[in-house]
Protein backbone atom coordinates (compact mmCIF):
# COMPACT_ATOMS: atom_id res chain seq x y z
CA MET A 1 -115.90 -28.27 114.71
CA ALA A 2 -113.51 -26.47 112.32
CA LEU A 3 -110.81 -29.02 113.15
CA LEU A 4 -113.07 -31.89 112.08
CA ASP A 5 -113.68 -30.11 108.77
CA GLU A 6 -109.90 -29.70 108.39
CA ILE A 7 -109.37 -33.41 109.13
CA LYS A 8 -111.89 -34.38 106.45
CA ALA A 9 -110.41 -31.96 103.93
CA LYS A 10 -106.88 -33.21 104.52
CA ALA A 11 -108.05 -36.82 104.32
CA ALA A 12 -109.63 -36.08 100.95
CA THR A 13 -106.27 -34.96 99.56
CA LEU A 14 -104.60 -38.22 100.59
CA LYS A 15 -106.88 -40.54 98.57
CA LYS A 16 -106.42 -43.40 101.05
CA THR A 17 -108.40 -46.64 100.87
CA ILE A 18 -110.18 -47.64 104.08
CA VAL A 19 -112.00 -50.92 104.70
CA LEU A 20 -115.30 -50.83 106.59
CA CYS A 21 -115.93 -54.35 107.88
CA GLU A 22 -119.66 -54.24 108.60
CA GLY A 23 -121.67 -54.09 105.40
CA GLU A 24 -124.56 -55.65 107.30
CA ASP A 25 -125.07 -52.42 109.29
CA LYS A 26 -127.27 -49.62 107.89
CA ARG A 27 -125.18 -46.86 109.47
CA VAL A 28 -121.98 -48.24 107.96
CA VAL A 29 -123.48 -48.49 104.46
CA GLU A 30 -124.83 -44.93 104.70
CA ALA A 31 -121.45 -43.68 105.98
CA ALA A 32 -119.65 -45.49 103.14
CA ALA A 33 -121.86 -43.69 100.62
CA GLN A 34 -121.32 -40.29 102.28
CA ILE A 35 -117.53 -40.75 102.49
CA THR A 36 -117.42 -41.74 98.82
CA ARG A 37 -119.68 -38.88 97.77
CA GLU A 38 -117.56 -36.33 99.68
CA GLY A 39 -114.29 -37.85 98.45
CA ILE A 40 -112.90 -38.29 101.98
CA ALA A 41 -111.49 -41.75 101.19
CA LYS A 42 -111.91 -44.69 98.88
CA ILE A 43 -114.08 -47.29 100.60
CA VAL A 44 -113.96 -51.06 100.56
CA LEU A 45 -117.14 -52.35 102.20
CA ILE A 46 -117.12 -55.95 103.39
CA GLY A 47 -120.45 -57.43 102.43
CA ASN A 48 -122.42 -57.84 99.24
CA GLU A 49 -124.64 -55.61 97.17
CA GLU A 50 -127.86 -57.47 97.94
CA GLU A 51 -127.28 -57.18 101.68
CA ALA A 52 -126.27 -53.51 101.50
CA LYS A 53 -129.38 -52.61 99.51
CA ARG A 54 -131.56 -54.53 101.94
CA VAL A 55 -130.28 -52.81 105.10
CA ALA A 56 -129.95 -49.36 103.49
CA PRO A 57 -132.48 -49.14 100.66
CA GLY A 58 -132.01 -46.20 98.38
CA VAL A 59 -128.34 -45.65 99.23
CA ASP A 60 -126.15 -45.03 96.18
CA LEU A 61 -123.34 -47.60 96.18
CA THR A 62 -121.56 -46.06 93.19
CA GLY A 63 -117.79 -45.91 93.75
CA ILE A 64 -117.84 -48.30 96.73
CA THR A 65 -115.97 -51.59 96.34
CA LEU A 66 -117.99 -54.44 97.87
CA ILE A 67 -116.14 -57.63 98.84
CA ASP A 68 -117.69 -60.77 100.33
CA PRO A 69 -115.17 -63.03 102.11
CA LEU A 70 -117.35 -66.06 101.30
CA THR A 71 -116.86 -65.57 97.56
CA SER A 72 -113.70 -63.47 97.22
CA GLU A 73 -110.76 -64.93 95.31
CA LYS A 74 -108.51 -63.26 97.91
CA THR A 75 -109.80 -65.33 100.85
CA ALA A 76 -107.42 -68.25 100.25
CA GLU A 77 -104.46 -65.88 99.96
CA TYR A 78 -105.45 -64.13 103.19
CA ALA A 79 -105.86 -67.48 104.94
CA LYS A 80 -102.20 -68.21 104.21
CA ILE A 81 -101.19 -64.87 105.75
CA LEU A 82 -103.27 -65.68 108.83
CA TYR A 83 -101.78 -69.15 109.13
CA GLU A 84 -98.22 -67.80 108.97
CA ALA A 85 -99.05 -65.21 111.62
CA ARG A 86 -100.71 -67.67 113.99
CA LYS A 87 -99.17 -71.11 113.40
CA ALA A 88 -96.75 -70.62 116.30
CA LYS A 89 -99.85 -70.23 118.50
CA GLY A 90 -101.20 -73.56 117.29
CA MET A 91 -103.49 -72.46 114.48
CA THR A 92 -103.99 -75.07 111.75
CA GLU A 93 -104.40 -74.32 108.05
CA GLU A 94 -108.03 -75.45 108.28
CA GLN A 95 -108.70 -73.05 111.14
CA ALA A 96 -107.03 -70.21 109.23
CA ALA A 97 -109.15 -70.94 106.17
CA GLN A 98 -112.29 -70.72 108.29
CA GLN A 99 -111.31 -67.63 110.29
CA ALA A 100 -110.26 -65.72 107.17
CA LYS A 101 -113.95 -65.68 106.18
CA ASP A 102 -114.84 -63.68 109.30
CA ARG A 103 -115.48 -60.09 108.23
CA THR A 104 -113.38 -58.35 110.88
CA MET A 105 -110.51 -60.78 110.37
CA PHE A 106 -110.81 -60.43 106.59
CA GLY A 107 -110.54 -56.65 106.98
CA ALA A 108 -107.46 -56.96 109.18
CA LEU A 109 -105.87 -59.31 106.66
CA MET A 110 -106.56 -56.82 103.86
CA LEU A 111 -104.71 -54.24 105.94
CA LYS A 112 -101.84 -56.62 106.69
CA ALA A 113 -101.52 -57.47 102.98
CA GLY A 114 -101.37 -53.80 102.03
CA ASP A 115 -104.56 -53.95 99.97
CA VAL A 116 -106.07 -51.13 102.06
CA ASP A 117 -104.52 -48.28 104.04
CA GLY A 118 -106.72 -48.47 107.13
CA TYR A 119 -109.42 -50.49 108.90
CA VAL A 120 -112.56 -49.38 110.74
CA SER A 121 -115.04 -51.67 112.51
CA GLY A 122 -117.05 -51.92 115.72
CA ALA A 123 -120.49 -50.55 114.82
CA CYS A 124 -122.01 -53.95 115.55
CA HIS A 125 -119.04 -55.80 117.07
CA SER A 126 -117.47 -55.50 120.51
CA THR A 127 -114.14 -53.76 121.01
CA ALA A 128 -112.57 -57.14 121.72
CA ASN A 129 -113.86 -58.62 118.46
CA THR A 130 -112.77 -55.52 116.56
CA LEU A 131 -109.24 -55.22 117.95
CA ARG A 132 -108.35 -58.90 118.32
CA PRO A 133 -107.72 -59.44 114.59
CA GLY A 134 -105.47 -56.39 114.59
CA LEU A 135 -103.46 -57.68 117.52
CA GLN A 136 -103.17 -61.11 115.92
CA VAL A 137 -102.10 -60.13 112.40
CA VAL A 138 -101.34 -56.39 112.13
CA LYS A 139 -99.56 -56.24 115.51
CA THR A 140 -97.90 -53.23 117.10
CA ALA A 141 -95.66 -50.55 115.63
CA PRO A 142 -91.86 -50.87 115.97
CA GLY A 143 -90.73 -49.92 119.48
CA ILE A 144 -94.30 -49.95 120.84
CA LYS A 145 -95.69 -52.87 122.82
CA THR A 146 -98.99 -51.32 123.86
CA VAL A 147 -102.12 -50.70 121.82
CA SER A 148 -103.95 -47.77 123.39
CA SER A 149 -106.53 -45.11 122.65
CA CYS A 150 -106.95 -41.39 122.87
CA PHE A 151 -109.62 -38.77 122.31
CA ILE A 152 -109.09 -35.64 120.25
CA MET A 153 -110.79 -33.00 122.40
CA ILE A 154 -112.02 -29.94 120.49
CA ALA A 155 -112.85 -26.84 122.54
CA PRO A 156 -116.05 -24.87 121.84
CA VAL A 157 -113.80 -21.79 121.86
CA PRO A 158 -110.05 -21.52 122.60
CA ASN A 159 -109.14 -20.15 126.03
CA LYS A 160 -105.97 -19.21 127.88
CA TYR A 161 -105.49 -22.77 129.14
CA ASN A 162 -106.05 -24.30 125.71
CA PRO A 163 -105.02 -21.64 123.16
CA ASP A 164 -104.85 -24.20 120.30
CA GLY A 165 -108.50 -25.08 120.92
CA VAL A 166 -107.63 -28.79 120.83
CA ALA A 167 -106.07 -31.33 123.20
CA VAL A 168 -105.41 -35.06 123.34
CA PHE A 169 -106.53 -37.23 126.29
CA ALA A 170 -105.18 -40.79 126.76
CA ASP A 171 -105.85 -43.60 127.54
CA CYS A 172 -109.58 -43.32 128.16
CA ALA A 173 -110.92 -46.52 126.59
CA ILE A 174 -108.58 -49.55 126.39
CA ASN A 175 -105.96 -50.02 129.13
CA ILE A 176 -107.60 -50.25 132.53
CA GLU A 177 -104.61 -50.03 134.86
CA PRO A 178 -101.51 -49.54 132.70
CA ASP A 179 -98.08 -50.09 134.21
CA ALA A 180 -95.19 -47.66 133.80
CA GLN A 181 -93.98 -49.09 130.47
CA GLN A 182 -97.49 -49.09 129.05
CA LEU A 183 -97.96 -45.47 130.13
CA ALA A 184 -94.70 -44.55 128.41
CA ASP A 185 -95.93 -46.24 125.22
CA ILE A 186 -99.25 -44.40 125.53
CA ALA A 187 -97.42 -41.08 125.91
CA VAL A 188 -95.24 -41.57 122.83
CA SER A 189 -98.16 -42.84 120.71
CA SER A 190 -100.40 -39.96 121.84
CA ALA A 191 -97.77 -37.41 120.86
CA LYS A 192 -97.70 -38.90 117.35
CA THR A 193 -101.49 -38.77 117.17
CA ALA A 194 -101.49 -35.15 118.33
CA LYS A 195 -99.16 -34.19 115.51
CA ALA A 196 -100.73 -36.31 112.76
CA ILE A 197 -104.42 -35.82 113.55
CA ALA A 198 -104.84 -32.74 115.73
CA GLY A 199 -102.11 -30.82 113.92
CA ILE A 200 -100.49 -29.54 117.10
CA GLU A 201 -96.91 -29.68 118.34
CA PRO A 202 -97.23 -32.07 121.31
CA ARG A 203 -96.38 -31.04 124.84
CA VAL A 204 -97.09 -34.12 126.95
CA ALA A 205 -98.07 -34.05 130.62
CA MET A 206 -98.01 -37.24 132.70
CA LEU A 207 -100.90 -36.62 135.10
CA SER A 208 -101.27 -37.44 138.78
CA PHE A 209 -102.69 -36.01 141.99
CA SER A 210 -99.06 -35.06 142.67
CA THR A 211 -96.68 -32.57 141.06
CA LYS A 212 -92.99 -33.41 141.15
CA GLY A 213 -93.30 -35.42 144.33
CA SER A 214 -95.70 -33.10 146.19
CA GLY A 215 -97.91 -36.09 147.00
CA ASN A 216 -97.13 -39.74 147.60
CA ASP A 217 -99.24 -42.87 147.94
CA ASP A 218 -96.29 -45.26 148.04
CA LYS A 219 -97.64 -46.99 151.14
CA PHE A 220 -100.92 -47.94 149.46
CA PHE A 221 -101.21 -47.79 145.66
CA LYS A 222 -97.86 -46.55 144.32
CA SER A 223 -99.56 -44.51 141.59
CA VAL A 224 -97.22 -41.54 142.00
CA PRO A 225 -94.03 -43.63 141.67
CA LYS A 226 -95.64 -45.32 138.65
CA MET A 227 -96.14 -41.98 136.86
CA GLN A 228 -92.62 -40.90 137.77
CA GLU A 229 -91.19 -44.10 136.31
CA ALA A 230 -93.42 -43.78 133.22
CA THR A 231 -92.12 -40.23 132.68
CA ALA A 232 -88.51 -41.42 132.83
CA LEU A 233 -89.20 -44.31 130.42
CA ALA A 234 -91.01 -42.09 127.94
CA LYS A 235 -88.11 -39.62 127.96
CA GLU A 236 -85.75 -42.48 127.13
CA MET A 237 -88.00 -43.64 124.29
CA ALA A 238 -88.43 -40.15 122.79
CA PRO A 239 -85.69 -37.85 124.10
CA ASP A 240 -86.64 -35.02 121.72
CA LEU A 241 -90.30 -35.01 122.77
CA ALA A 242 -91.54 -32.20 125.02
CA LEU A 243 -92.74 -34.40 127.90
CA ASP A 244 -92.67 -34.00 131.65
CA GLY A 245 -94.38 -35.00 134.87
CA GLU A 246 -95.74 -36.04 137.12
CA PHE A 247 -98.18 -33.10 137.17
CA GLN A 248 -101.51 -32.22 138.69
CA PHE A 249 -103.84 -31.01 135.96
CA ASP A 250 -103.65 -27.35 136.97
CA ALA A 251 -99.85 -27.48 136.98
CA ALA A 252 -100.01 -28.95 133.49
CA VAL A 253 -102.28 -26.27 131.95
CA ALA A 254 -102.07 -23.07 134.03
CA PRO A 255 -98.81 -21.14 133.44
CA GLU A 256 -98.94 -19.49 136.85
CA VAL A 257 -99.35 -22.84 138.63
CA GLY A 258 -96.82 -24.60 136.44
CA GLU A 259 -94.18 -21.97 137.14
CA LEU A 260 -94.87 -22.20 140.86
CA LYS A 261 -94.90 -26.00 141.15
CA ALA A 262 -92.47 -27.01 138.38
CA PRO A 263 -90.20 -24.04 137.65
CA GLY A 264 -88.06 -24.52 134.56
CA SER A 265 -90.27 -27.19 132.98
CA ALA A 266 -90.90 -26.70 129.25
CA VAL A 267 -94.26 -28.48 129.59
CA ALA A 268 -95.73 -27.30 132.90
CA GLY A 269 -98.47 -24.76 132.30
CA HIS A 270 -98.50 -25.36 128.54
CA ALA A 271 -99.46 -29.03 128.04
CA ASN A 272 -101.79 -30.10 125.25
CA VAL A 273 -101.43 -33.91 125.47
CA PHE A 274 -102.54 -35.49 128.74
CA VAL A 275 -101.70 -39.02 129.85
CA PHE A 276 -103.94 -40.19 132.69
CA PRO A 277 -102.72 -42.74 135.27
CA ASN A 278 -105.55 -45.19 134.55
CA ILE A 279 -108.82 -45.60 132.66
CA ASN A 280 -110.88 -44.37 135.64
CA ALA A 281 -109.22 -40.97 135.56
CA GLY A 282 -109.11 -40.79 131.76
CA ASN A 283 -112.71 -41.79 131.13
CA ILE A 284 -114.04 -39.49 133.84
CA GLY A 285 -111.80 -36.66 132.69
CA TYR A 286 -112.84 -36.62 129.06
CA LYS A 287 -116.53 -36.88 129.94
CA ILE A 288 -116.25 -33.94 132.36
CA ALA A 289 -114.66 -31.91 129.56
CA GLN A 290 -117.50 -32.97 127.24
CA ARG A 291 -120.42 -32.26 129.55
CA PHE A 292 -119.20 -29.36 131.68
CA GLY A 293 -116.76 -27.81 129.21
CA GLY A 294 -118.65 -28.34 125.97
CA TYR A 295 -115.72 -30.08 124.29
CA MET A 296 -116.32 -32.33 121.29
CA ALA A 297 -114.60 -35.71 121.71
CA ILE A 298 -113.39 -37.45 118.54
CA GLY A 299 -112.56 -41.07 119.24
CA PRO A 300 -111.54 -43.26 120.75
CA VAL A 301 -108.68 -43.17 118.25
CA CYS A 302 -106.65 -46.38 118.42
CA GLN A 303 -102.89 -46.01 118.41
CA GLY A 304 -99.86 -48.27 118.64
CA PHE A 305 -100.78 -50.60 115.77
CA ALA A 306 -98.31 -51.06 112.92
CA LYS A 307 -101.03 -49.85 110.53
CA PRO A 308 -104.13 -47.69 111.16
CA LEU A 309 -106.94 -49.64 112.79
CA ASN A 310 -109.87 -48.05 114.62
CA ASP A 311 -112.81 -49.20 116.72
CA LEU A 312 -116.27 -47.62 116.55
CA SER A 313 -118.70 -47.40 119.43
CA ARG A 314 -121.72 -49.64 118.97
CA GLY A 315 -123.78 -46.52 119.66
CA CYS A 316 -122.14 -44.60 116.82
CA ASN A 317 -124.01 -42.65 114.19
CA VAL A 318 -123.17 -41.99 110.53
CA ASP A 319 -121.25 -38.79 111.35
CA ASP A 320 -119.11 -40.68 113.89
CA ILE A 321 -118.18 -43.26 111.26
CA VAL A 322 -117.33 -40.59 108.71
CA ALA A 323 -115.09 -38.81 111.25
CA THR A 324 -113.37 -42.05 112.23
CA VAL A 325 -112.63 -42.91 108.60
CA ALA A 326 -111.14 -39.44 108.08
CA VAL A 327 -108.93 -39.83 111.16
CA THR A 328 -107.86 -43.29 110.00
CA ALA A 329 -106.86 -41.87 106.62
CA LEU A 330 -104.66 -39.28 108.33
CA GLN A 331 -103.02 -41.99 110.43
CA ALA A 332 -102.09 -43.73 107.18
CA GLU A 333 -100.29 -40.68 105.79
């Protein structure tokens, strides 16, 4: 929990402006007020004062900037940005003018225009509806083709396998069956997240049921060759990054196993960033750590966008929203 406090404190020093797209949601309005009160970030809330007071009566809106796309003088300007971004895909100016009034799209256009530093949505919208505007107008970071996610995993107490008390698991929420290039993108993006958000020097393990060719499923699924190729591609993309694989989990975290199975590796036995071969493994893995290991999972944190853009769970609470805004502010540093 100390790490989350550190994330909030660091975010507060940055004075970033984050747009929350769902002023119609009570949790979002309450989170906006708490974030503003604690000074974690400056908040732009998409909605209007009457609506916010109706869904969250008694909440102090002082210091929050409320913007309604239906009445904002910026909507026409944003519509032009949307049209330029999407005209090659067949979008007309009329369609752009209409879509710019959508709250999630409006928020993404604010981010694209540089009027805010980060975007958070998803409390009452699906992941697809939350991320689609980002993919359409914000797009991916230079050199990265894959938008992905990770969880910041905070240990209840540090132990010999996780002496930092924090780790990064990816991708557990977006890419179902990533190919080798996507896995390489996920690895490089996750290393950046580990440094920027978790505050750790990344040591990235590409996970498998095999360590350095000890297992092979080439006849059936080719998952081991995929992780081997992903490891090679990631090393080409980021030659100075401490990254290796493919590793079984114990070879990645236990020094005695790493030395036995991958002697000479700078990562084996000391990894703190873990790239899973697919969403099945990643989602199961982080939930095992949560329930059996008592880890706190912050996320999913979206990564790979050109600017910070994050998706909330529809089951989120106010604390989740506050944490996500703080993380988004750090991504904007």
